[in-house]
């Protein structure tokens, strides 16, 4: 069994800024994951030529993969957008009237049911370093950065109850707020929502917090977080010379998961994150 969490940054390659279907398909084929939790997905966005990235990941995973895309934003991220509504989209739905952006789950195994939890949003704006004009450094022009107060996007959890070879398992994905403290609140909401679904449970996602923050969240969540633990500790950000772990696989130990054999953070030719890839016994 192979599980992966991957913040895809809408499939963009940092080295040349290009977004190519072939690169995306090759990257997903290399992961060879049975279940993928995906973040920063486009559907109908101009920057990705109106493509449905969840559908492309599903096709590269398996001819009969089960997949859903859950929009968190309707409109263009970073420009004009509104919070998305409604349930998860199937990969064969028509291109939306307005572009969407969000998270997704793809499974090679049959899915019994899909579940959504939209998380409490924050009205806070937080300082984030944004790319600025290139500055002179010796003989080189290097990108500069400037702090900007950014409005946080809506966040959500998408979960599936899956018929895995070893039995039913609930696997979820999310992309939490970058606002410190608020992401802990959202993680607590997810733990409570997952407690209502069958175990064992696995959460894959970009939690936007360092390892000590995740450990603090688990240790201070009381009954809602009892038994949750990290399956792997590996840096995933940035892609080149990763120093931080922002992408995680968590489990609550309620039920039997196969034995974890290896955890990897492979370099792929797209995104500013490395995926977190876990290999278990069959």
C-alpha atoms as a PDB file:
ATOM      1  CA  UNK A   1       0.000   0.000   0.000  1.00  0.00           C
ATOM      2  CA  UNK A   2       1.278   3.452  -0.932  1.00  0.00           C
ATOM      3  CA  UNK A   3      -0.258   6.706   0.328  1.00  0.00           C
ATOM      4  CA  UNK A   4       0.839  10.196  -0.694  1.00  0.00           C
ATOM      5  CA  UNK A   5       0.117  13.775   0.270  1.00  0.00           C
ATOM      6  CA  UNK A   6       1.060  16.343  -2.366  1.00  0.00           C
ATOM      7  CA  UNK A   7       0.611  20.110  -2.522  1.00  0.00           C
ATOM      8  CA  UNK A   8       0.823  20.441  -6.313  1.00  0.00           C
ATOM      9  CA  UNK A   9       0.954  24.258  -6.600  1.00  0.00           C
ATOM     10  CA  UNK A  10      -1.430  23.795  -9.591  1.00  0.00           C
ATOM     11  CA  UNK A  11       1.243  21.741 -11.397  1.00  0.00           C
ATOM     12  CA  UNK A  12       3.675  24.609 -11.945  1.00  0.00           C
ATOM     13  CA  UNK A  13       7.398  23.962 -12.371  1.00  0.00           C
ATOM     14  CA  UNK A  14       9.456  26.533 -10.480  1.00  0.00           C
ATOM     15  CA  UNK A  15      12.500  26.368 -12.780  1.00  0.00           C
ATOM     16  CA  UNK A  16      10.690  27.628 -15.883  1.00  0.00           C
ATOM     17  CA  UNK A  17       7.195  28.573 -14.669  1.00  0.00           C
ATOM     18  CA  UNK A  18       5.533  26.159 -17.090  1.00  0.00           C
ATOM     19  CA  UNK A  19       2.446  24.030 -16.416  1.00  0.00           C
ATOM     20  CA  UNK A  20       2.480  20.954 -18.644  1.00  0.00           C
ATOM     21  CA  UNK A  21       0.133  17.933 -18.607  1.00  0.00           C
ATOM     22  CA  UNK A  22       3.000  15.598 -19.480  1.00  0.00           C
ATOM     23  CA  UNK A  23       5.038  16.643 -16.475  1.00  0.00           C
ATOM     24  CA  UNK A  24       2.065  16.208 -14.181  1.00  0.00           C
ATOM     25  CA  UNK A  25       1.274  12.743 -15.530  1.00  0.00           C
ATOM     26  CA  UNK A  26       4.906  11.637 -15.218  1.00  0.00           C
ATOM     27  CA  UNK A  27       5.130  12.922 -11.632  1.00  0.00           C
ATOM     28  CA  UNK A  28       1.968  11.085 -10.559  1.00  0.00           C
ATOM     29  CA  UNK A  29       3.087   7.894 -12.306  1.00  0.00           C
ATOM     30  CA  UNK A  30       6.379   8.084 -10.427  1.00  0.00           C
ATOM     31  CA  UNK A  31       4.573   8.336  -7.083  1.00  0.00           C
ATOM     32  CA  UNK A  32       2.566   5.207  -7.973  1.00  0.00           C
ATOM     33  CA  UNK A  33       0.295   5.820  -4.970  1.00  0.00           C
ATOM     34  CA  UNK A  34      -2.854   3.850  -4.237  1.00  0.00           C
ATOM     35  CA  UNK A  35      -4.437   6.884  -2.540  1.00  0.00           C
ATOM     36  CA  UNK A  36      -3.392  10.521  -3.013  1.00  0.00           C
ATOM     37  CA  UNK A  37      -4.420  13.514  -0.931  1.00  0.00           C
ATOM     38  CA  UNK A  38      -3.966  16.612  -3.117  1.00  0.00           C
ATOM     39  CA  UNK A  39      -3.886  20.329  -2.414  1.00  0.00           C
ATOM     40  CA  UNK A  40      -3.785  23.487  -4.558  1.00  0.00           C
ATOM     41  CA  UNK A  41      -5.731  22.015  -7.451  1.00  0.00           C
ATOM     42  CA  UNK A  42      -7.207  24.004 -10.343  1.00  0.00           C
ATOM     43  CA  UNK A  43     -10.432  23.363 -12.222  1.00  0.00           C
ATOM     44  CA  UNK A  44     -11.307  25.688 -15.061  1.00  0.00           C
ATOM     45  CA  UNK A  45      -8.608  28.220 -14.114  1.00  0.00           C
ATOM     46  CA  UNK A  46      -7.071  30.443 -16.841  1.00  0.00           C
ATOM     47  CA  UNK A  47      -3.520  29.784 -15.605  1.00  0.00           C
ATOM     48  CA  UNK A  48      -3.974  26.050 -16.277  1.00  0.00           C
ATOM     49  CA  UNK A  49      -5.859  26.522 -19.556  1.00  0.00           C
ATOM     50  CA  UNK A  50      -9.183  25.475 -18.045  1.00  0.00           C
ATOM     51  CA  UNK A  51      -7.951  21.971 -17.180  1.00  0.00           C
ATOM     52  CA  UNK A  52      -9.302  19.713 -14.422  1.00  0.00           C
ATOM     53  CA  UNK A  53      -6.141  18.705 -12.556  1.00  0.00           C
ATOM     54  CA  UNK A  54      -7.938  16.143 -10.378  1.00  0.00           C
ATOM     55  CA  UNK A  55      -9.120  14.338 -13.513  1.00  0.00           C
ATOM     56  CA  UNK A  56      -5.571  14.336 -14.892  1.00  0.00           C
ATOM     57  CA  UNK A  57      -4.188  12.892 -11.645  1.00  0.00           C
ATOM     58  CA  UNK A  58      -6.890  10.212 -11.629  1.00  0.00           C
ATOM     59  CA  UNK A  59      -6.086   9.224 -15.219  1.00  0.00           C
ATOM     60  CA  UNK A  60      -2.367   8.997 -14.431  1.00  0.00           C
ATOM     61  CA  UNK A  61      -3.113   6.894 -11.318  1.00  0.00           C
ATOM     62  CA  UNK A  62      -5.381   4.228 -12.779  1.00  0.00           C
ATOM     63  CA  UNK A  63      -7.874   3.788 -15.603  1.00  0.00           C
ATOM     64  CA  UNK A  64     -10.650   3.154 -13.067  1.00  0.00           C
ATOM     65  CA  UNK A  65      -9.490   5.414 -10.214  1.00  0.00           C
ATOM     66  CA  UNK A  66     -12.130   6.919  -7.938  1.00  0.00           C
ATOM     67  CA  UNK A  67     -11.689  10.679  -7.519  1.00  0.00           C
ATOM     68  CA  UNK A  68     -13.344  13.815  -6.212  1.00  0.00           C
ATOM     69  CA  UNK A  69     -12.396  17.490  -6.307  1.00  0.00           C
ATOM     70  CA  UNK A  70     -13.658  19.795  -3.562  1.00  0.00           C
ATOM     71  CA  UNK A  71     -13.508  23.501  -4.408  1.00  0.00           C
ATOM     72  CA  UNK A  72     -12.707  25.854  -1.564  1.00  0.00           C
ATOM     73  CA  UNK A  73     -12.580  28.979  -3.740  1.00  0.00           C
ATOM     74  CA  UNK A  74     -14.730  30.081  -6.669  1.00  0.00           C
ATOM     75  CA  UNK A  75     -12.891  32.589  -8.827  1.00  0.00           C
ATOM     76  CA  UNK A  76      -9.171  33.253  -9.193  1.00  0.00           C
ATOM     77  CA  UNK A  77      -6.908  32.753  -6.136  1.00  0.00           C
ATOM     78  CA  UNK A  78      -5.032  35.918  -5.231  1.00  0.00           C
ATOM     79  CA  UNK A  79      -7.469  38.039  -7.253  1.00  0.00           C
ATOM     80  CA  UNK A  80     -11.279  38.047  -7.190  1.00  0.00           C
ATOM     81  CA  UNK A  81     -12.829  35.061  -5.427  1.00  0.00           C
ATOM     82  CA  UNK A  82     -15.661  33.974  -3.164  1.00  0.00           C
ATOM     83  CA  UNK A  83     -15.936  30.942  -0.848  1.00  0.00           C
ATOM     84  CA  UNK A  84     -17.030  27.840  -2.736  1.00  0.00           C
ATOM     85  CA  UNK A  85     -20.192  25.982  -1.794  1.00  0.00           C
ATOM     86  CA  UNK A  86     -21.688  22.586  -2.497  1.00  0.00           C
ATOM     87  CA  UNK A  87     -20.276  19.106  -2.470  1.00  0.00           C
ATOM     88  CA  UNK A  88     -17.335  17.433  -4.185  1.00  0.00           C
ATOM     89  CA  UNK A  89     -17.163  17.390  -7.987  1.00  0.00           C
ATOM     90  CA  UNK A  90     -16.699  14.249 -10.054  1.00  0.00           C
ATOM     91  CA  UNK A  91     -13.981  14.186 -12.705  1.00  0.00           C
ATOM     92  CA  UNK A  92     -16.489  13.841 -15.549  1.00  0.00           C
ATOM     93  CA  UNK A  93     -18.435  17.020 -14.754  1.00  0.00           C
ATOM     94  CA  UNK A  94     -18.475  19.827 -17.284  1.00  0.00           C
ATOM     95  CA  UNK A  95     -16.086  22.754 -16.919  1.00  0.00           C
ATOM     96  CA  UNK A  96     -17.588  25.163 -14.360  1.00  0.00           C
ATOM     97  CA  UNK A  97     -18.950  28.555 -15.369  1.00  0.00           C
ATOM     98  CA  UNK A  98     -16.478  30.168 -12.965  1.00  0.00           C
ATOM     99  CA  UNK A  99     -13.001  28.787 -12.229  1.00  0.00           C
ATOM    100  CA  UNK A 100     -12.467  26.801  -9.040  1.00  0.00           C
ATOM    101  CA  UNK A 101      -9.561  25.948  -6.766  1.00  0.00           C
ATOM    102  CA  UNK A 102      -9.296  23.469  -3.915  1.00  0.00           C
ATOM    103  CA  UNK A 103      -8.340  19.977  -2.741  1.00  0.00           C
ATOM    104  CA  UNK A 104      -8.866  16.439  -4.028  1.00  0.00           C
ATOM    105  CA  UNK A 105      -8.675  12.722  -3.273  1.00  0.00           C
ATOM    106  CA  UNK A 106      -7.813   9.977  -5.753  1.00  0.00           C
ATOM    107  CA  UNK A 107      -8.057   6.249  -4.943  1.00  0.00           C
ATOM    108  CA  UNK A 108      -7.275   3.091  -6.890  1.00  0.00           C
ATOM    109  CA  UNK A 109      -9.547   1.226  -4.514  1.00  0.00           C
ATOM    110  CA  UNK A 110     -13.360   1.355  -4.392  1.00  0.00           C
ATOM    111  CA  UNK A 111     -14.875   4.188  -2.376  1.00  0.00           C
ATOM    112  CA  UNK A 112     -17.926   3.463  -0.217  1.00  0.00           C
ATOM    113  CA  UNK A 113     -18.760   7.083   0.580  1.00  0.00           C
ATOM    114  CA  UNK A 114     -17.470  10.663   0.348  1.00  0.00           C
ATOM    115  CA  UNK A 115     -17.623  13.208   3.157  1.00  0.00           C
ATOM    116  CA  UNK A 116     -17.017  16.966   3.370  1.00  0.00           C
ATOM    117  CA  UNK A 117     -16.358  19.284   6.294  1.00  0.00           C
ATOM    118  CA  UNK A 118     -15.979  22.980   5.569  1.00  0.00           C
ATOM    119  CA  UNK A 119     -13.818  24.517   8.279  1.00  0.00           C
ATOM    120  CA  UNK A 120     -14.352  27.671  10.296  1.00  0.00           C
ATOM    121  CA  UNK A 121     -12.760  30.542   8.349  1.00  0.00           C
ATOM    122  CA  UNK A 122     -10.732  33.339   9.858  1.00  0.00           C
ATOM    123  CA  UNK A 123     -11.336  36.984   9.058  1.00  0.00           C
ATOM    124  CA  UNK A 124      -7.751  37.835   9.929  1.00  0.00           C
ATOM    125  CA  UNK A 125      -5.166  39.017   7.456  1.00  0.00           C
ATOM    126  CA  UNK A 126      -1.627  37.817   8.065  1.00  0.00           C
ATOM    127  CA  UNK A 127       1.756  39.024   6.790  1.00  0.00           C
ATOM    128  CA  UNK A 128       3.134  36.814   3.995  1.00  0.00           C
ATOM    129  CA  UNK A 129       6.285  37.341   1.922  1.00  0.00           C
ATOM    130  CA  UNK A 130       5.217  37.982  -1.672  1.00  0.00           C
ATOM    131  CA  UNK A 131       7.505  38.022  -4.740  1.00  0.00           C
ATOM    132  CA  UNK A 132       8.705  41.511  -5.560  1.00  0.00           C
ATOM    133  CA  UNK A 133      10.806  43.091  -8.306  1.00  0.00           C
ATOM    134  CA  UNK A 134      14.266  41.697  -9.004  1.00  0.00           C
ATOM    135  CA  UNK A 135      17.066  43.396  -7.079  1.00  0.00           C
ATOM    136  CA  UNK A 136      20.725  43.760  -7.999  1.00  0.00           C
ATOM    137  CA  UNK A 137      23.091  41.495  -6.078  1.00  0.00           C
ATOM    138  CA  UNK A 138      26.598  41.803  -7.445  1.00  0.00           C
ATOM    139  CA  UNK A 139      26.238  41.036 -11.131  1.00  0.00           C
ATOM    140  CA  UNK A 140      23.043  39.051 -10.705  1.00  0.00           C
ATOM    141  CA  UNK A 141      19.392  40.034 -10.627  1.00  0.00           C
ATOM    142  CA  UNK A 142      17.736  38.076  -7.843  1.00  0.00           C
ATOM    143  CA  UNK A 143      14.063  38.034  -6.808  1.00  0.00           C
ATOM    144  CA  UNK A 144      13.220  40.192  -3.835  1.00  0.00           C
ATOM    145  CA  UNK A 145      10.310  39.763  -1.465  1.00  0.00           C
ATOM    146  CA  UNK A 146       7.949  42.137   0.285  1.00  0.00           C
ATOM    147  CA  UNK A 147       5.559  41.503   3.176  1.00  0.00           C
ATOM    148  CA  UNK A 148       1.863  41.807   2.386  1.00  0.00           C
ATOM    149  CA  UNK A 149      -1.275  41.358   4.468  1.00  0.00           C
ATOM    150  CA  UNK A 150      -3.100  38.476   2.796  1.00  0.00           C
ATOM    151  CA  UNK A 151      -6.713  37.426   3.301  1.00  0.00           C
ATOM    152  CA  UNK A 152      -6.829  33.740   4.162  1.00  0.00           C
ATOM    153  CA  UNK A 153      -8.754  31.417   1.864  1.00  0.00           C
ATOM    154  CA  UNK A 154     -11.614  29.154   2.961  1.00  0.00           C
ATOM    155  CA  UNK A 155     -10.477  25.709   4.096  1.00  0.00           C
ATOM    156  CA  UNK A 156     -12.117  22.286   4.054  1.00  0.00           C
ATOM    157  CA  UNK A 157     -11.648  18.556   4.577  1.00  0.00           C
ATOM    158  CA  UNK A 158     -12.510  15.906   1.993  1.00  0.00           C
ATOM    159  CA  UNK A 159     -12.720  12.307   3.238  1.00  0.00           C
ATOM    160  CA  UNK A 160     -13.468   8.923   1.689  1.00  0.00           C
ATOM    161  CA  UNK A 161     -14.365   5.606   3.287  1.00  0.00           C
ATOM    162  CA  UNK A 162     -12.361   3.209   1.132  1.00  0.00           C
ATOM    163  CA  UNK A 163     -12.446  -0.565   0.649  1.00  0.00           C
ATOM    164  CA  UNK A 164      -8.704  -1.265   0.926  1.00  0.00           C
ATOM    165  CA  UNK A 165      -7.294  -4.808   0.535  1.00  0.00           C
ATOM    166  CA  UNK A 166      -6.912  -5.059   4.329  1.00  0.00           C
ATOM    167  CA  UNK A 167     -10.436  -3.757   5.022  1.00  0.00           C
ATOM    168  CA  UNK A 168     -12.273  -0.433   5.224  1.00  0.00           C
ATOM    169  CA  UNK A 169     -10.241   2.699   6.000  1.00  0.00           C
ATOM    170  CA  UNK A 170     -11.113   6.389   6.157  1.00  0.00           C
ATOM    171  CA  UNK A 171      -8.633   8.621   4.347  1.00  0.00           C
ATOM    172  CA  UNK A 172      -8.981  12.395   4.307  1.00  0.00           C
ATOM    173  CA  UNK A 173      -7.127  15.363   2.903  1.00  0.00           C
ATOM    174  CA  UNK A 174      -6.974  19.042   3.818  1.00  0.00           C
ATOM    175  CA  UNK A 175      -5.049  22.280   3.346  1.00  0.00           C
ATOM    176  CA  UNK A 176      -5.181  24.319   6.554  1.00  0.00           C
ATOM    177  CA  UNK A 177      -4.925  28.045   7.198  1.00  0.00           C
ATOM    178  CA  UNK A 178      -1.514  29.713   7.281  1.00  0.00           C
ATOM    179  CA  UNK A 179      -2.651  31.781  10.304  1.00  0.00           C
ATOM    180  CA  UNK A 180      -0.858  30.429  13.419  1.00  0.00           C
ATOM    181  CA  UNK A 181      -3.292  29.152  16.021  1.00  0.00           C
ATOM    182  CA  UNK A 182      -6.220  29.163  13.611  1.00  0.00           C
ATOM    183  CA  UNK A 183      -4.815  26.105  11.829  1.00  0.00           C
ATOM    184  CA  UNK A 184      -4.766  24.301  15.197  1.00  0.00           C
ATOM    185  CA  UNK A 185      -8.459  25.135  15.628  1.00  0.00           C
ATOM    186  CA  UNK A 186      -9.195  23.755  12.158  1.00  0.00           C
ATOM    187  CA  UNK A 187      -7.212  20.597  12.878  1.00  0.00           C
ATOM    188  CA  UNK A 188      -9.350  20.039  15.961  1.00  0.00           C
ATOM    189  CA  UNK A 189     -12.489  20.380  13.804  1.00  0.00           C
ATOM    190  CA  UNK A 190     -11.107  17.736  11.440  1.00  0.00           C
ATOM    191  CA  UNK A 191     -10.312  15.299  14.245  1.00  0.00           C
ATOM    192  CA  UNK A 192     -13.870  15.675  15.541  1.00  0.00           C
ATOM    193  CA  UNK A 193     -15.361  15.150  12.074  1.00  0.00           C
ATOM    194  CA  UNK A 194     -13.220  12.082  11.389  1.00  0.00           C
ATOM    195  CA  UNK A 195     -14.217  10.525  14.711  1.00  0.00           C
ATOM    196  CA  UNK A 196     -17.677  10.009  13.189  1.00  0.00           C
ATOM    197  CA  UNK A 197     -16.262   7.904  10.327  1.00  0.00           C
ATOM    198  CA  UNK A 198     -14.965   4.303  10.432  1.00  0.00           C
ATOM    199  CA  UNK A 199     -11.433   3.585  11.646  1.00  0.00           C
ATOM    200  CA  UNK A 200      -8.628   3.251  11.009  1.00  0.00           C
ATOM    201  CA  UNK A 201      -8.333   6.883   9.920  1.00  0.00           C
ATOM    202  CA  UNK A 202      -5.560   8.655   8.022  1.00  0.00           C
ATOM    203  CA  UNK A 203      -5.292  12.386   7.395  1.00  0.00           C
ATOM    204  CA  UNK A 204      -3.097  13.516   4.483  1.00  0.00           C
ATOM    205  CA  UNK A 205      -2.464  17.183   3.907  1.00  0.00           C
ATOM    206  CA  UNK A 206      -0.628  20.463   4.000  1.00  0.00           C
ATOM    207  CA  UNK A 207      -1.243  21.568   7.585  1.00  0.00           C
ATOM    208  CA  UNK A 208       0.717  24.819   7.221  1.00  0.00           C
ATOM    209  CA  UNK A 209       2.482  24.293  10.546  1.00  0.00           C
ATOM    210  CA  UNK A 210       5.878  22.902  11.584  1.00  0.00           C
ATOM    211  CA  UNK A 211       6.360  19.592  13.368  1.00  0.00           C
ATOM    212  CA  UNK A 212       6.315  21.097  16.861  1.00  0.00           C
ATOM    213  CA  UNK A 213       2.984  22.768  16.026  1.00  0.00           C
ATOM    214  CA  UNK A 214       1.423  19.456  14.988  1.00  0.00           C
ATOM    215  CA  UNK A 215       2.736  17.769  18.126  1.00  0.00           C
ATOM    216  CA  UNK A 216       1.332  20.596  20.238  1.00  0.00           C
ATOM    217  CA  UNK A 217      -2.035  20.290  18.487  1.00  0.00           C
ATOM    218  CA  UNK A 218      -2.192  16.550  19.119  1.00  0.00           C
ATOM    219  CA  UNK A 219      -1.101  16.824  22.750  1.00  0.00           C
ATOM    220  CA  UNK A 220      -3.535  19.620  23.668  1.00  0.00           C
ATOM    221  CA  UNK A 221      -6.691  18.554  21.853  1.00  0.00           C
ATOM    222  CA  UNK A 222      -8.071  16.472  24.686  1.00  0.00           C
ATOM    223  CA  UNK A 223     -10.491  13.658  23.864  1.00  0.00           C
ATOM    224  CA  UNK A 224     -10.918  14.787  20.247  1.00  0.00           C
ATOM    225  CA  UNK A 225      -7.238  14.139  19.539  1.00  0.00           C
ATOM    226  CA  UNK A 226      -6.666  11.001  21.594  1.00  0.00           C
ATOM    227  CA  UNK A 227      -4.394   8.542  19.803  1.00  0.00           C
ATOM    228  CA  UNK A 228      -3.444  10.738  16.842  1.00  0.00           C
ATOM    229  CA  UNK A 229       0.203  10.552  15.770  1.00  0.00           C
ATOM    230  CA  UNK A 230       2.471  11.419  12.861  1.00  0.00           C
ATOM    231  CA  UNK A 231       3.350   8.543  10.566  1.00  0.00           C
ATOM    232  CA  UNK A 232       6.519  10.179   9.223  1.00  0.00           C
ATOM    233  CA  UNK A 233       8.835  13.086   9.964  1.00  0.00           C
ATOM    234  CA  UNK A 234      10.432  14.401   6.770  1.00  0.00           C
ATOM    235  CA  UNK A 235      10.979  17.958   5.475  1.00  0.00           C
ATOM    236  CA  UNK A 236       8.802  18.795   2.465  1.00  0.00           C
ATOM    237  CA  UNK A 237       9.325  22.540   1.909  1.00  0.00           C
ATOM    238  CA  UNK A 238      10.810  24.078  -0.122  1.00  0.00           C
ATOM    239  CA  UNK A 239      11.461  21.597  -2.907  1.00  0.00           C
ATOM    240  CA  UNK A 240      15.166  22.436  -3.171  1.00  0.00           C
ATOM    241  CA  UNK A 241      16.903  21.793   0.127  1.00  0.00           C
ATOM    242  CA  UNK A 242      13.720  21.275   2.174  1.00  0.00           C
ATOM    243  CA  UNK A 243      13.961  22.599   5.732  1.00  0.00           C
ATOM    244  CA  UNK A 244      10.357  22.458   6.990  1.00  0.00           C
ATOM    245  CA  UNK A 245       7.739  19.766   7.164  1.00  0.00           C
ATOM    246  CA  UNK A 246       4.392  21.261   6.168  1.00  0.00           C
ATOM    247  CA  UNK A 247       2.915  18.105   4.602  1.00  0.00           C
ATOM    248  CA  UNK A 248       1.828  15.248   6.862  1.00  0.00           C
ATOM    249  CA  UNK A 249       0.242  11.842   7.246  1.00  0.00           C
ATOM    250  CA  UNK A 250      -1.493  11.414  10.605  1.00  0.00           C
ATOM    251  CA  UNK A 251      -3.380   8.424  11.993  1.00  0.00           C
ATOM    252  CA  UNK A 252      -5.405   7.898  15.142  1.00  0.00           C
ATOM    253  CA  UNK A 253      -4.577   4.220  15.594  1.00  0.00           C
ATOM    254  CA  UNK A 254      -8.265   3.282  15.848  1.00  0.00           C
ATOM    255  CA  UNK A 255      -8.164  -0.013  13.961  1.00  0.00           C
ATOM    256  CA  UNK A 256      -5.487  -1.847  12.053  1.00  0.00           C
ATOM    257  CA  UNK A 257      -3.210  -0.260   9.469  1.00  0.00           C
ATOM    258  CA  UNK A 258      -0.551  -2.300   7.688  1.00  0.00           C
ATOM    259  CA  UNK A 259       3.009  -1.855   8.936  1.00  0.00           C
ATOM    260  CA  UNK A 260       4.807   1.244   7.677  1.00  0.00           C
ATOM    261  CA  UNK A 261       7.954   0.249   5.784  1.00  0.00           C
ATOM    262  CA  UNK A 262       9.352   3.490   4.348  1.00  0.00           C
ATOM    263  CA  UNK A 263       8.623   7.199   4.097  1.00  0.00           C
ATOM    264  CA  UNK A 264       9.974   9.300   1.218  1.00  0.00           C
ATOM    265  CA  UNK A 265      10.022  12.947   0.110  1.00  0.00           C
ATOM    266  CA  UNK A 266      10.970  12.525  -3.568  1.00  0.00           C
ATOM    267  CA  UNK A 267      11.904  15.450  -5.812  1.00  0.00           C
ATOM    268  CA  UNK A 268       9.362  15.888  -8.607  1.00  0.00           C
ATOM    269  CA  UNK A 269       9.529  18.289 -11.568  1.00  0.00           C
ATOM    270  CA  UNK A 270       6.713  20.517 -10.284  1.00  0.00           C
ATOM    271  CA  UNK A 271       5.491  22.422  -7.208  1.00  0.00           C
ATOM    272  CA  UNK A 272       7.313  24.229  -4.401  1.00  0.00           C
ATOM    273  CA  UNK A 273       6.539  21.298  -2.071  1.00  0.00           C
ATOM    274  CA  UNK A 274       7.864  17.770  -2.107  1.00  0.00           C
ATOM    275  CA  UNK A 275       5.241  15.053  -1.726  1.00  0.00           C
ATOM    276  CA  UNK A 276       5.175  12.871   1.361  1.00  0.00           C
ATOM    277  CA  UNK A 277       5.023   9.239   0.191  1.00  0.00           C
ATOM    278  CA  UNK A 278       4.419   6.325   2.564  1.00  0.00           C
ATOM    279  CA  UNK A 279       4.911   2.633   1.780  1.00  0.00           C
ATOM    280  CA  UNK A 280       3.168   0.005   3.898  1.00  0.00           C
ATOM    281  CA  UNK A 281       3.127  -3.773   3.835  1.00  0.00           C
ATOM    282  CA  UNK A 282       0.394  -5.282   1.686  1.00  0.00           C
END
